[in-house]
Amino acid sequence: MAAIKRQYPKIKTVEDLASAARQRVATTFVLDIKTKAGMYPGDQTTADIIIIALDAQQRPISRITARGATEIRPYQPPRIREANDQALRELNGKAERLLR
């Protein structure tokens, strides 16, 4: 949200798309975060962050995606935080370039 709020400081959050429709919001951003932890050494732990912009009729008009990934090392946990941090850095960079 911080990446979007830097470009749109007056943005407000709503609980769901139905709330946005009731409020007649002109543009809605949907934030989708997917994290998948690998199980075995060599597997990937991934974090995907997707921001979808919808117009007033809630039709998709734009999308920004970011991904972070780490490889599980032997005898170590999956390092989900590291994958999330990578995805957030990528998203922040894209937001700086694209949300102007």
N, C-alpha and C. Protein backbone atom coordinates (compact mmCIF):
# COMPACT_ATOMS: atom_id res chain seq x y z
N MET A 1 0.82 -1.19 0.00
CA MET A 1 0.00 0.00 0.00
C MET A 1 0.87 1.25 0.00
N ALA A 2 2.00 1.21 0.64
CA ALA A 2 2.86 2.39 0.71
C ALA A 2 3.31 2.83 -0.68
N ALA A 3 3.58 1.87 -1.56
CA ALA A 3 4.00 2.21 -2.93
C ALA A 3 2.91 2.97 -3.66
N ILE A 4 1.67 2.60 -3.45
CA ILE A 4 0.56 3.28 -4.09
C ILE A 4 0.29 4.61 -3.41
N LYS A 5 0.33 4.64 -2.08
CA LYS A 5 0.04 5.86 -1.33
C LYS A 5 1.03 6.98 -1.63
N ARG A 6 2.27 6.63 -1.97
CA ARG A 6 3.23 7.67 -2.33
C ARG A 6 2.77 8.44 -3.56
N GLN A 7 2.17 7.74 -4.50
CA GLN A 7 1.71 8.38 -5.73
C GLN A 7 0.29 8.94 -5.61
N TYR A 8 -0.53 8.31 -4.76
CA TYR A 8 -1.91 8.72 -4.57
C TYR A 8 -2.17 8.91 -3.07
N PRO A 9 -1.71 10.02 -2.49
CA PRO A 9 -1.80 10.18 -1.03
C PRO A 9 -3.22 10.22 -0.48
N LYS A 10 -4.21 10.55 -1.30
CA LYS A 10 -5.59 10.64 -0.81
C LYS A 10 -6.35 9.32 -0.96
N ILE A 11 -5.67 8.26 -1.35
CA ILE A 11 -6.33 6.97 -1.54
C ILE A 11 -6.90 6.47 -0.21
N LYS A 12 -8.02 5.77 -0.28
CA LYS A 12 -8.59 5.19 0.94
C LYS A 12 -8.88 3.71 0.69
N THR A 13 -8.90 2.96 1.77
CA THR A 13 -9.14 1.52 1.64
C THR A 13 -10.63 1.22 1.80
N VAL A 14 -11.04 0.14 1.15
CA VAL A 14 -12.40 -0.38 1.29
C VAL A 14 -12.28 -1.87 1.55
N GLU A 15 -13.31 -2.43 2.12
CA GLU A 15 -13.29 -3.85 2.49
C GLU A 15 -13.32 -4.79 1.29
N ASP A 16 -14.07 -4.42 0.25
CA ASP A 16 -14.23 -5.32 -0.89
C ASP A 16 -14.69 -4.53 -2.11
N LEU A 17 -14.78 -5.22 -3.25
CA LEU A 17 -15.18 -4.55 -4.49
C LEU A 17 -16.61 -4.03 -4.43
N ALA A 18 -17.49 -4.73 -3.72
CA ALA A 18 -18.87 -4.27 -3.59
C ALA A 18 -18.92 -2.92 -2.88
N SER A 19 -18.10 -2.74 -1.87
CA SER A 19 -18.03 -1.45 -1.17
C SER A 19 -17.55 -0.35 -2.10
N ALA A 20 -16.56 -0.64 -2.91
CA ALA A 20 -16.06 0.34 -3.88
C ALA A 20 -17.16 0.72 -4.87
N ALA A 21 -17.92 -0.27 -5.32
CA ALA A 21 -19.02 0.00 -6.26
C ALA A 21 -20.09 0.87 -5.61
N ARG A 22 -20.45 0.57 -4.37
CA ARG A 22 -21.46 1.37 -3.66
C ARG A 22 -21.01 2.82 -3.49
N GLN A 23 -19.72 3.01 -3.29
CA GLN A 23 -19.18 4.35 -3.10
C GLN A 23 -18.87 5.05 -4.42
N ARG A 24 -19.13 4.35 -5.52
CA ARG A 24 -18.88 4.88 -6.87
C ARG A 24 -17.43 5.36 -7.05
N VAL A 25 -16.52 4.51 -6.66
CA VAL A 25 -15.09 4.80 -6.78
C VAL A 25 -14.70 4.77 -8.25
N ALA A 26 -13.97 5.80 -8.70
CA ALA A 26 -13.59 5.88 -10.11
C ALA A 26 -12.53 4.84 -10.48
N THR A 27 -11.53 4.66 -9.62
CA THR A 27 -10.47 3.68 -9.87
C THR A 27 -10.26 2.88 -8.59
N THR A 28 -10.22 1.57 -8.74
CA THR A 28 -10.00 0.68 -7.60
C THR A 28 -8.72 -0.10 -7.84
N PHE A 29 -7.87 -0.19 -6.82
CA PHE A 29 -6.69 -1.03 -6.88
C PHE A 29 -6.95 -2.26 -6.03
N VAL A 30 -6.77 -3.43 -6.62
CA VAL A 30 -6.90 -4.69 -5.89
C VAL A 30 -5.49 -5.21 -5.64
N LEU A 31 -5.21 -5.52 -4.39
CA LEU A 31 -3.90 -6.03 -3.99
C LEU A 31 -4.02 -7.51 -3.73
N ASP A 32 -3.24 -8.31 -4.45
CA ASP A 32 -3.25 -9.77 -4.30
C ASP A 32 -1.84 -10.21 -3.92
N ILE A 33 -1.72 -10.89 -2.79
CA ILE A 33 -0.41 -11.38 -2.32
C ILE A 33 -0.48 -12.89 -2.21
N LYS A 34 0.45 -13.55 -2.89
CA LYS A 34 0.51 -15.01 -2.86
C LYS A 34 1.90 -15.43 -2.39
N THR A 35 1.93 -16.26 -1.37
CA THR A 35 3.20 -16.77 -0.86
C THR A 35 3.15 -18.28 -0.87
N LYS A 36 4.20 -18.89 -1.39
CA LYS A 36 4.28 -20.35 -1.42
C LYS A 36 5.64 -20.77 -0.86
N ALA A 37 5.61 -21.49 0.24
CA ALA A 37 6.85 -21.97 0.86
C ALA A 37 7.22 -23.33 0.29
N GLY A 38 8.46 -23.45 -0.14
CA GLY A 38 8.95 -24.75 -0.59
C GLY A 38 9.08 -25.69 0.60
N MET A 39 9.21 -26.97 0.30
CA MET A 39 9.26 -27.95 1.39
C MET A 39 10.63 -28.59 1.57
N TYR A 40 11.37 -28.75 0.49
CA TYR A 40 12.61 -29.53 0.54
C TYR A 40 13.78 -28.69 0.04
N PRO A 41 15.01 -29.04 0.46
CA PRO A 41 16.17 -28.32 -0.05
C PRO A 41 16.18 -28.29 -1.57
N GLY A 42 16.44 -27.09 -2.11
CA GLY A 42 16.43 -26.90 -3.56
C GLY A 42 15.10 -26.36 -4.07
N ASP A 43 14.02 -26.54 -3.29
CA ASP A 43 12.72 -25.97 -3.68
C ASP A 43 12.76 -24.45 -3.58
N GLN A 44 11.88 -23.81 -4.29
CA GLN A 44 11.75 -22.36 -4.24
C GLN A 44 10.65 -21.95 -3.25
N THR A 45 10.92 -20.92 -2.50
CA THR A 45 9.90 -20.22 -1.72
C THR A 45 9.64 -18.94 -2.49
N THR A 46 8.38 -18.69 -2.85
CA THR A 46 8.07 -17.55 -3.70
C THR A 46 7.05 -16.63 -3.04
N ALA A 47 7.13 -15.37 -3.41
CA ALA A 47 6.15 -14.36 -3.00
C ALA A 47 5.79 -13.56 -4.25
N ASP A 48 4.52 -13.51 -4.57
CA ASP A 48 4.03 -12.74 -5.71
C ASP A 48 3.10 -11.66 -5.19
N ILE A 49 3.33 -10.44 -5.64
CA ILE A 49 2.46 -9.31 -5.30
C ILE A 49 1.91 -8.78 -6.62
N ILE A 50 0.60 -8.69 -6.69
CA ILE A 50 -0.05 -8.23 -7.91
C ILE A 50 -0.99 -7.08 -7.53
N ILE A 51 -0.88 -5.99 -8.24
CA ILE A 51 -1.81 -4.87 -8.08
C ILE A 51 -2.57 -4.76 -9.40
N ILE A 52 -3.89 -4.84 -9.31
CA ILE A 52 -4.73 -4.73 -10.49
C ILE A 52 -5.55 -3.45 -10.35
N ALA A 53 -5.48 -2.59 -11.36
CA ALA A 53 -6.27 -1.36 -11.37
C ALA A 53 -7.56 -1.64 -12.14
N LEU A 54 -8.68 -1.25 -11.53
CA LEU A 54 -10.00 -1.43 -12.15
C LEU A 54 -10.62 -0.06 -12.39
N ASP A 55 -11.35 0.09 -13.50
CA ASP A 55 -12.04 1.35 -13.76
C ASP A 55 -13.35 1.41 -12.97
N ALA A 56 -14.14 2.44 -13.20
CA ALA A 56 -15.38 2.65 -12.45
C ALA A 56 -16.37 1.50 -12.62
N GLN A 57 -16.29 0.80 -13.75
CA GLN A 57 -17.16 -0.36 -13.99
C GLN A 57 -16.52 -1.66 -13.51
N GLN A 58 -15.40 -1.52 -12.82
CA GLN A 58 -14.63 -2.63 -12.25
C GLN A 58 -14.10 -3.59 -13.32
N ARG A 59 -13.70 -2.99 -14.44
CA ARG A 59 -13.01 -3.75 -15.49
C ARG A 59 -11.52 -3.50 -15.33
N PRO A 60 -10.70 -4.54 -15.47
CA PRO A 60 -9.24 -4.36 -15.33
C PRO A 60 -8.71 -3.42 -16.41
N ILE A 61 -7.90 -2.46 -15.99
CA ILE A 61 -7.28 -1.54 -16.94
C ILE A 61 -5.75 -1.57 -16.88
N SER A 62 -5.20 -2.10 -15.80
CA SER A 62 -3.75 -2.17 -15.68
C SER A 62 -3.37 -3.17 -14.59
N ARG A 63 -2.13 -3.63 -14.66
CA ARG A 63 -1.64 -4.62 -13.70
C ARG A 63 -0.15 -4.41 -13.49
N ILE A 64 0.26 -4.49 -12.24
CA ILE A 64 1.68 -4.47 -11.89
C ILE A 64 1.96 -5.73 -11.09
N THR A 65 2.99 -6.46 -11.48
CA THR A 65 3.34 -7.68 -10.76
C THR A 65 4.79 -7.60 -10.27
N ALA A 66 5.02 -8.25 -9.16
CA ALA A 66 6.38 -8.34 -8.61
C ALA A 66 6.55 -9.72 -7.99
N ARG A 67 7.78 -10.22 -8.04
CA ARG A 67 8.05 -11.57 -7.52
C ARG A 67 9.36 -11.58 -6.77
N GLY A 68 9.35 -12.33 -5.69
CA GLY A 68 10.56 -12.61 -4.94
C GLY A 68 10.68 -14.11 -4.77
N ALA A 69 11.90 -14.61 -4.74
CA ALA A 69 12.09 -16.06 -4.60
C ALA A 69 13.40 -16.35 -3.89
N THR A 70 13.37 -17.38 -3.07
CA THR A 70 14.58 -17.87 -2.42
C THR A 70 14.60 -19.39 -2.57
N GLU A 71 15.78 -19.94 -2.52
CA GLU A 71 15.91 -21.40 -2.59
C GLU A 71 16.15 -21.94 -1.19
N ILE A 72 15.47 -23.00 -0.87
CA ILE A 72 15.63 -23.60 0.46
C ILE A 72 16.99 -24.29 0.52
N ARG A 73 17.71 -23.96 1.58
CA ARG A 73 19.01 -24.58 1.82
C ARG A 73 18.82 -25.76 2.76
N PRO A 74 19.72 -26.73 2.69
CA PRO A 74 19.59 -27.88 3.60
C PRO A 74 19.57 -27.44 5.06
N TYR A 75 18.67 -28.02 5.80
CA TYR A 75 18.55 -27.83 7.26
C TYR A 75 18.21 -26.39 7.65
N GLN A 76 17.53 -25.66 6.76
CA GLN A 76 17.11 -24.30 7.08
C GLN A 76 15.63 -24.12 6.72
N PRO A 77 14.96 -23.20 7.40
CA PRO A 77 13.55 -22.94 7.07
C PRO A 77 13.43 -22.22 5.73
N PRO A 78 12.23 -22.09 5.19
CA PRO A 78 12.06 -21.58 3.83
C PRO A 78 12.37 -20.10 3.57
N ARG A 79 12.61 -19.24 4.55
CA ARG A 79 12.96 -17.83 4.37
C ARG A 79 11.88 -17.07 3.59
N ILE A 80 10.66 -17.17 4.07
CA ILE A 80 9.53 -16.50 3.43
C ILE A 80 9.71 -14.98 3.47
N ARG A 81 10.17 -14.47 4.58
CA ARG A 81 10.37 -13.01 4.71
C ARG A 81 11.30 -12.47 3.63
N GLU A 82 12.36 -13.19 3.33
CA GLU A 82 13.32 -12.76 2.31
C GLU A 82 12.64 -12.69 0.94
N ALA A 83 11.83 -13.68 0.60
CA ALA A 83 11.11 -13.68 -0.67
C ALA A 83 10.13 -12.51 -0.72
N ASN A 84 9.42 -12.26 0.39
CA ASN A 84 8.49 -11.12 0.45
C ASN A 84 9.23 -9.80 0.28
N ASP A 85 10.36 -9.64 0.94
CA ASP A 85 11.14 -8.41 0.83
C ASP A 85 11.61 -8.17 -0.60
N GLN A 86 12.03 -9.23 -1.30
CA GLN A 86 12.44 -9.10 -2.69
C GLN A 86 11.27 -8.61 -3.55
N ALA A 87 10.10 -9.21 -3.35
CA ALA A 87 8.92 -8.82 -4.13
C ALA A 87 8.55 -7.37 -3.84
N LEU A 88 8.62 -6.95 -2.59
CA LEU A 88 8.30 -5.56 -2.24
C LEU A 88 9.29 -4.58 -2.87
N ARG A 89 10.57 -4.92 -2.89
CA ARG A 89 11.56 -4.04 -3.53
C ARG A 89 11.26 -3.90 -5.02
N GLU A 90 10.94 -5.02 -5.67
CA GLU A 90 10.61 -4.98 -7.09
C GLU A 90 9.35 -4.14 -7.32
N LEU A 91 8.33 -4.35 -6.48
CA LEU A 91 7.09 -3.59 -6.62
C LEU A 91 7.33 -2.09 -6.42
N ASN A 92 8.11 -1.72 -5.42
CA ASN A 92 8.41 -0.31 -5.19
C ASN A 92 9.09 0.33 -6.39
N GLY A 93 10.04 -0.39 -6.99
CA GLY A 93 10.72 0.13 -8.18
C GLY A 93 9.77 0.32 -9.33
N LYS A 94 8.90 -0.64 -9.56
CA LYS A 94 7.93 -0.53 -10.65
C LYS A 94 6.92 0.58 -10.37
N ALA A 95 6.49 0.71 -9.14
CA ALA A 95 5.52 1.75 -8.78
C ALA A 95 6.14 3.13 -9.01
N GLU A 96 7.41 3.30 -8.68
CA GLU A 96 8.07 4.58 -8.91
C GLU A 96 8.06 4.95 -10.39
N ARG A 97 8.26 3.97 -11.25
CA ARG A 97 8.30 4.21 -12.69
C ARG A 97 6.92 4.33 -13.31
N LEU A 98 5.98 3.50 -12.85
CA LEU A 98 4.70 3.36 -13.58
C LEU A 98 3.55 4.18 -13.00
N LEU A 99 3.54 4.44 -11.72
CA LEU A 99 2.41 5.15 -11.10
C LEU A 99 2.70 6.65 -11.02
N ARG A 100 2.73 7.28 -12.13
CA ARG A 100 3.00 8.74 -12.17
C ARG A 100 1.85 9.46 -12.76
